[in-house]
C-alpha atoms as a PDB file:
ATOM      1  CA  MET A   1       2.902  -8.861 -29.656  1.00  0.00           C
ATOM      2  CA  PRO A   2       5.768 -11.264 -30.508  1.00  0.00           C
ATOM      3  CA  LEU A   3       7.441 -13.098 -27.666  1.00  0.00           C
ATOM      4  CA  GLU A   4      10.738 -11.633 -26.613  1.00  0.00           C
ATOM      5  CA  LYS A   5      13.791 -13.851 -26.685  1.00  0.00           C
ATOM      6  CA  THR A   6      15.291 -14.240 -23.258  1.00  0.00           C
ATOM      7  CA  SER A   7      18.731 -12.773 -22.932  1.00  0.00           C
ATOM      8  CA  PRO A   8      21.714 -14.751 -21.666  1.00  0.00           C
ATOM      9  CA  GLY A   9      21.269 -12.864 -18.404  1.00  0.00           C
ATOM     10  CA  HIS A  10      17.770 -14.291 -17.974  1.00  0.00           C
ATOM     11  CA  ARG A  11      19.078 -17.816 -18.524  1.00  0.00           C
ATOM     12  CA  ALA A  12      21.772 -17.197 -15.927  1.00  0.00           C
ATOM     13  CA  LEU A  13      19.105 -16.231 -13.389  1.00  0.00           C
ATOM     14  CA  ARG A  14      17.430 -19.610 -13.916  1.00  0.00           C
ATOM     15  CA  ALA A  15      20.630 -21.657 -13.828  1.00  0.00           C
ATOM     16  CA  GLY A  16      20.632 -23.862 -10.768  1.00  0.00           C
ATOM     17  CA  ARG A  17      17.202 -22.648  -9.606  1.00  0.00           C
ATOM     18  CA  VAL A  18      15.662 -25.193  -7.310  1.00  0.00           C
ATOM     19  CA  SER A  19      12.167 -24.887  -5.914  1.00  0.00           C
ATOM     20  CA  GLN A  20      11.848 -26.428  -2.502  1.00  0.00           C
ATOM     21  CA  ALA A  21       8.604 -26.376  -0.537  1.00  0.00           C
ATOM     22  CA  GLY A  22       9.019 -24.653   2.815  1.00  0.00           C
ATOM     23  CA  GLN A  23      12.232 -22.925   1.738  1.00  0.00           C
ATOM     24  CA  TYR A  24      12.511 -19.200   2.478  1.00  0.00           C
ATOM     25  CA  TYR A  25      13.214 -17.097  -0.612  1.00  0.00           C
ATOM     26  CA  VAL A  26      13.738 -13.426  -1.307  1.00  0.00           C
ATOM     27  CA  VAL A  27      12.311 -12.745  -4.734  1.00  0.00           C
ATOM     28  CA  THR A  28      12.995  -9.528  -6.611  1.00  0.00           C
ATOM     29  CA  THR A  29      11.271  -8.635  -9.831  1.00  0.00           C
ATOM     30  CA  VAL A  30      11.299  -5.404 -11.813  1.00  0.00           C
ATOM     31  CA  THR A  31       8.756  -3.684 -13.974  1.00  0.00           C
ATOM     32  CA  TYR A  32       9.098  -3.880 -17.735  1.00  0.00           C
ATOM     33  CA  GLN A  33      11.860  -1.491 -18.801  1.00  0.00           C
ATOM     34  CA  ARG A  34      12.048  -0.370 -15.142  1.00  0.00           C
ATOM     35  CA  GLN A  35       9.020   1.876 -15.638  1.00  0.00           C
ATOM     36  CA  PRO A  36       8.070   3.512 -12.304  1.00  0.00           C
ATOM     37  CA  LEU A  37       4.493   2.221 -12.523  1.00  0.00           C
ATOM     38  CA  PHE A  38       4.119   2.118  -8.740  1.00  0.00           C
ATOM     39  CA  ARG A  39       5.207   5.711  -8.114  1.00  0.00           C
ATOM     40  CA  GLN A  40       1.528   6.309  -7.317  1.00  0.00           C
ATOM     41  CA  TRP A  41       0.837   4.165  -4.275  1.00  0.00           C
ATOM     42  CA  GLN A  42      -2.725   3.463  -5.435  1.00  0.00           C
ATOM     43  CA  VAL A  43      -1.333   1.601  -8.449  1.00  0.00           C
ATOM     44  CA  GLY A  44       1.128  -0.309  -6.290  1.00  0.00           C
ATOM     45  CA  ARG A  45      -1.733  -1.390  -4.030  1.00  0.00           C
ATOM     46  CA  GLN A  46      -3.148  -3.325  -7.006  1.00  0.00           C
ATOM     47  CA  VAL A  47      -0.296  -5.827  -6.572  1.00  0.00           C
ATOM     48  CA  VAL A  48      -1.067  -6.533  -2.915  1.00  0.00           C
ATOM     49  CA  PRO A  49      -4.256  -8.618  -3.367  1.00  0.00           C
ATOM     50  CA  GLU A  50      -2.361 -11.003  -5.626  1.00  0.00           C
ATOM     51  CA  MET A  51       0.332 -11.560  -2.976  1.00  0.00           C
ATOM     52  CA  GLN A  52      -2.475 -12.125  -0.462  1.00  0.00           C
ATOM     53  CA  ARG A  53      -4.197 -14.513  -2.864  1.00  0.00           C
ATOM     54  CA  ALA A  54      -0.991 -16.552  -3.259  1.00  0.00           C
ATOM     55  CA  HIS A  55      -0.768 -16.708   0.542  1.00  0.00           C
ATOM     56  CA  GLU A  56      -4.438 -17.650   1.005  1.00  0.00           C
ATOM     57  CA  GLU A  57      -4.256 -20.339  -1.697  1.00  0.00           C
ATOM     58  CA  GLY A  58      -1.251 -21.932   0.021  1.00  0.00           C
ATOM     59  CA  MET A  59       1.210 -21.128  -2.746  1.00  0.00           C
ATOM     60  CA  VAL A  60       3.373 -19.206  -0.261  1.00  0.00           C
ATOM     61  CA  GLN A  61       3.612 -18.018   3.274  1.00  0.00           C
ATOM     62  CA  SER A  62       4.172 -14.326   2.727  1.00  0.00           C
ATOM     63  CA  LEU A  63       6.565 -12.985   5.360  1.00  0.00           C
ATOM     64  CA  ALA A  64       7.490  -9.470   4.186  1.00  0.00           C
ATOM     65  CA  TRP A  65       7.361  -7.364   1.043  1.00  0.00           C
ATOM     66  CA  VAL A  66       7.956  -3.888  -0.283  1.00  0.00           C
ATOM     67  CA  ILE A  67       6.780  -2.443  -3.582  1.00  0.00           C
ATOM     68  CA  MET A  68       9.166   0.196  -4.881  1.00  0.00           C
ATOM     69  CA  PRO A  69       8.333   2.488  -7.825  1.00  0.00           C
ATOM     70  CA  ASP A  70       9.822   0.051 -10.360  1.00  0.00           C
ATOM     71  CA  HIS A  71      10.306  -3.253  -8.542  1.00  0.00           C
ATOM     72  CA  LEU A  72       9.142  -5.628  -5.827  1.00  0.00           C
ATOM     73  CA  HIS A  73      11.024  -7.441  -3.053  1.00  0.00           C
ATOM     74  CA  TRP A  74       9.105 -10.343  -1.500  1.00  0.00           C
ATOM     75  CA  LEU A  75      10.239 -12.600   1.351  1.00  0.00           C
ATOM     76  CA  LEU A  76       8.252 -15.811   1.264  1.00  0.00           C
ATOM     77  CA  ALA A  77       8.241 -19.466   2.185  1.00  0.00           C
ATOM     78  CA  LEU A  78       7.324 -21.531  -0.854  1.00  0.00           C
ATOM     79  CA  GLY A  79       4.227 -23.676  -0.480  1.00  0.00           C
ATOM     80  CA  GLU A  80       3.668 -27.248  -1.646  1.00  0.00           C
ATOM     81  CA  THR A  81       1.515 -26.509  -4.685  1.00  0.00           C
ATOM     82  CA  MET A  82       3.899 -25.147  -7.325  1.00  0.00           C
ATOM     83  CA  SER A  83       7.445 -24.247  -8.256  1.00  0.00           C
ATOM     84  CA  LEU A  84       8.896 -20.808  -7.669  1.00  0.00           C
ATOM     85  CA  SER A  85       8.911 -20.134 -11.424  1.00  0.00           C
ATOM     86  CA  ARG A  86       5.258 -21.124 -11.771  1.00  0.00           C
ATOM     87  CA  LEU A  87       4.322 -19.043  -8.727  1.00  0.00           C
ATOM     88  CA  MET A  88       5.970 -15.952 -10.193  1.00  0.00           C
ATOM     89  CA  GLN A  89       4.385 -16.537 -13.584  1.00  0.00           C
ATOM     90  CA  ALA A  90       0.920 -16.739 -12.002  1.00  0.00           C
ATOM     91  CA  PHE A  91       1.542 -13.784  -9.684  1.00  0.00           C
ATOM     92  CA  LYS A  92       2.881 -11.559 -12.458  1.00  0.00           C
ATOM     93  CA  GLY A  93       0.007 -12.379 -14.809  1.00  0.00           C
ATOM     94  CA  ARG A  94      -2.681 -11.767 -12.216  1.00  0.00           C
ATOM     95  CA  SER A  95      -1.134  -8.596 -10.828  1.00  0.00           C
ATOM     96  CA  ALA A  96      -0.437  -7.227 -14.324  1.00  0.00           C
ATOM     97  CA  ARG A  97      -4.129  -7.469 -15.184  1.00  0.00           C
ATOM     98  CA  ARG A  98      -5.015  -5.485 -12.049  1.00  0.00           C
ATOM     99  CA  VAL A  99      -2.319  -2.855 -12.633  1.00  0.00           C
ATOM    100  CA  ASN A 100      -3.270  -2.369 -16.276  1.00  0.00           C
ATOM    101  CA  GLN A 101      -6.912  -2.020 -15.320  1.00  0.00           C
ATOM    102  CA  ALA A 102      -6.044   0.613 -12.692  1.00  0.00           C
ATOM    103  CA  LEU A 103      -3.924   2.527 -15.210  1.00  0.00           C
ATOM    104  CA  GLN A 104      -6.530   2.059 -17.979  1.00  0.00           C
ATOM    105  CA  ARG A 105      -3.893   0.700 -20.320  1.00  0.00           C
ATOM    106  CA  VAL A 106      -2.669  -2.464 -21.956  1.00  0.00           C
ATOM    107  CA  GLY A 107       0.884  -3.699 -22.112  1.00  0.00           C
ATOM    108  CA  ARG A 108       3.554  -5.411 -20.140  1.00  0.00           C
ATOM    109  CA  VAL A 109       3.897  -4.638 -16.456  1.00  0.00           C
ATOM    110  CA  TRP A 110       6.694  -6.983 -15.342  1.00  0.00           C
ATOM    111  CA  ASP A 111      10.013  -8.000 -16.823  1.00  0.00           C
ATOM    112  CA  THR A 112      10.035 -11.675 -17.752  1.00  0.00           C
ATOM    113  CA  ALA A 113      12.828 -12.574 -15.325  1.00  0.00           C
ATOM    114  CA  PHE A 114      13.101 -12.458 -11.562  1.00  0.00           C
ATOM    115  CA  HIS A 115      15.931 -12.916  -9.115  1.00  0.00           C
ATOM    116  CA  ASP A 116      15.630 -15.281  -6.189  1.00  0.00           C
ATOM    117  CA  HIS A 117      17.822 -15.929  -3.188  1.00  0.00           C
ATOM    118  CA  ALA A 118      17.213 -19.008  -1.057  1.00  0.00           C
ATOM    119  CA  LEU A 119      17.999 -18.141   2.532  1.00  0.00           C
ATOM    120  CA  ARG A 120      20.608 -20.262   4.237  1.00  0.00           C
ATOM    121  CA  ARG A 121      19.872 -21.830   7.610  1.00  0.00           C
ATOM    122  CA  ASP A 122      22.188 -19.350   9.321  1.00  0.00           C
ATOM    123  CA  GLU A 123      20.420 -16.282   7.874  1.00  0.00           C
ATOM    124  CA  ASP A 124      18.150 -14.421  10.292  1.00  0.00           C
ATOM    125  CA  VAL A 125      14.742 -14.236   8.608  1.00  0.00           C
ATOM    126  CA  LYS A 126      13.652 -11.191  10.639  1.00  0.00           C
ATOM    127  CA  ALA A 127      16.869  -9.352   9.757  1.00  0.00           C
ATOM    128  CA  VAL A 128      16.238 -10.075   6.076  1.00  0.00           C
ATOM    129  CA  ALA A 129      12.661  -8.802   6.470  1.00  0.00           C
ATOM    130  CA  ARG A 130      13.916  -5.598   8.127  1.00  0.00           C
ATOM    131  CA  TYR A 131      16.376  -5.076   5.280  1.00  0.00           C
ATOM    132  CA  ILE A 132      13.639  -5.558   2.680  1.00  0.00           C
ATOM    133  CA  ILE A 133      11.122  -3.196   4.218  1.00  0.00           C
ATOM    134  CA  ALA A 134      13.791  -0.526   4.792  1.00  0.00           C
ATOM    135  CA  ASN A 135      14.285  -0.122   1.028  1.00  0.00           C
ATOM    136  CA  PRO A 136      12.178   3.069   0.807  1.00  0.00           C
ATOM    137  CA  LEU A 137      14.351   4.644   3.530  1.00  0.00           C
ATOM    138  CA  ARG A 138      17.610   3.744   1.775  1.00  0.00           C
ATOM    139  CA  ALA A 139      16.204   5.019  -1.541  1.00  0.00           C
ATOM    140  CA  GLY A 140      15.309   8.354   0.067  1.00  0.00           C
ATOM    141  CA  LEU A 141      11.601   8.005  -0.723  1.00  0.00           C
ATOM    142  CA  VAL A 142      10.638   8.693   2.916  1.00  0.00           C
ATOM    143  CA  THR A 143      12.353   9.563   6.177  1.00  0.00           C
ATOM    144  CA  ARG A 144      10.101   7.315   8.280  1.00  0.00           C
ATOM    145  CA  LEU A 145       9.088   3.844   7.167  1.00  0.00           C
ATOM    146  CA  GLY A 146       5.575   4.422   8.502  1.00  0.00           C
ATOM    147  CA  ASP A 147       5.146   7.101   5.843  1.00  0.00           C
ATOM    148  CA  TYR A 148       5.610   4.602   3.006  1.00  0.00           C
ATOM    149  CA  PRO A 149       2.334   2.840   2.093  1.00  0.00           C
ATOM    150  CA  LEU A 150       3.632  -0.146   0.111  1.00  0.00           C
ATOM    151  CA  TRP A 151       5.164  -2.609   2.546  1.00  0.00           C
ATOM    152  CA  ASP A 152       4.198  -5.195   5.117  1.00  0.00           C
ATOM    153  CA  ALA A 153       5.814  -7.774   7.364  1.00  0.00           C
ATOM    154  CA  MET A 154       4.158 -10.513   9.370  1.00  0.00           C
ATOM    155  CA  TRP A 155       5.928  -9.328  12.536  1.00  0.00           C
ATOM    156  CA  VAL A 156       4.533  -5.786  12.498  1.00  0.00           C
ATOM    157  CA  GLY A 157       2.503  -6.365  15.653  1.00  0.00           C
ATOM    158  CA  GLU A 158       5.544  -7.523  17.607  1.00  0.00           C
ATOM    159  CA  GLU A 159       7.628  -5.193  19.768  1.00  0.00           C
ATOM    160  CA  ARG A 160      10.605  -5.209  17.392  1.00  0.00           C
ATOM    161  CA  VAL A 161      10.538  -6.197  13.776  1.00  0.00           C
END
């Protein structure tokens, strides 16, 4: 399969990207051609071990995430071991293998680009996490967040997330 040329939009996403260890980022990435590969929650669960692996290997501190039918939002603190771009490349490759195996198919899972937002000091990390995990509610996929199986936040055990 020939490599796809990156569009001017992809270059714009990378312009000014700085990877800083310890920095909080919200990363959003979409599936290739916005295919709803994760409409079945069992397929979406194939992505989770790779986020956990990145956390366990010290690449990130994973704070909150939600997997939507055709995209992922991930709130993380970048670790010391690699850049944000390298992290996403590794994560996408590993998770794509798992997803393709679960679907018994070959082919691209993720779009080549991703969007990142570095949180400012004045941004409330818990408020950002709440916003991220409420995506299924806003999209009308469920009426109660507890009914959606593809999200997590490190503060779940606390009184108020």
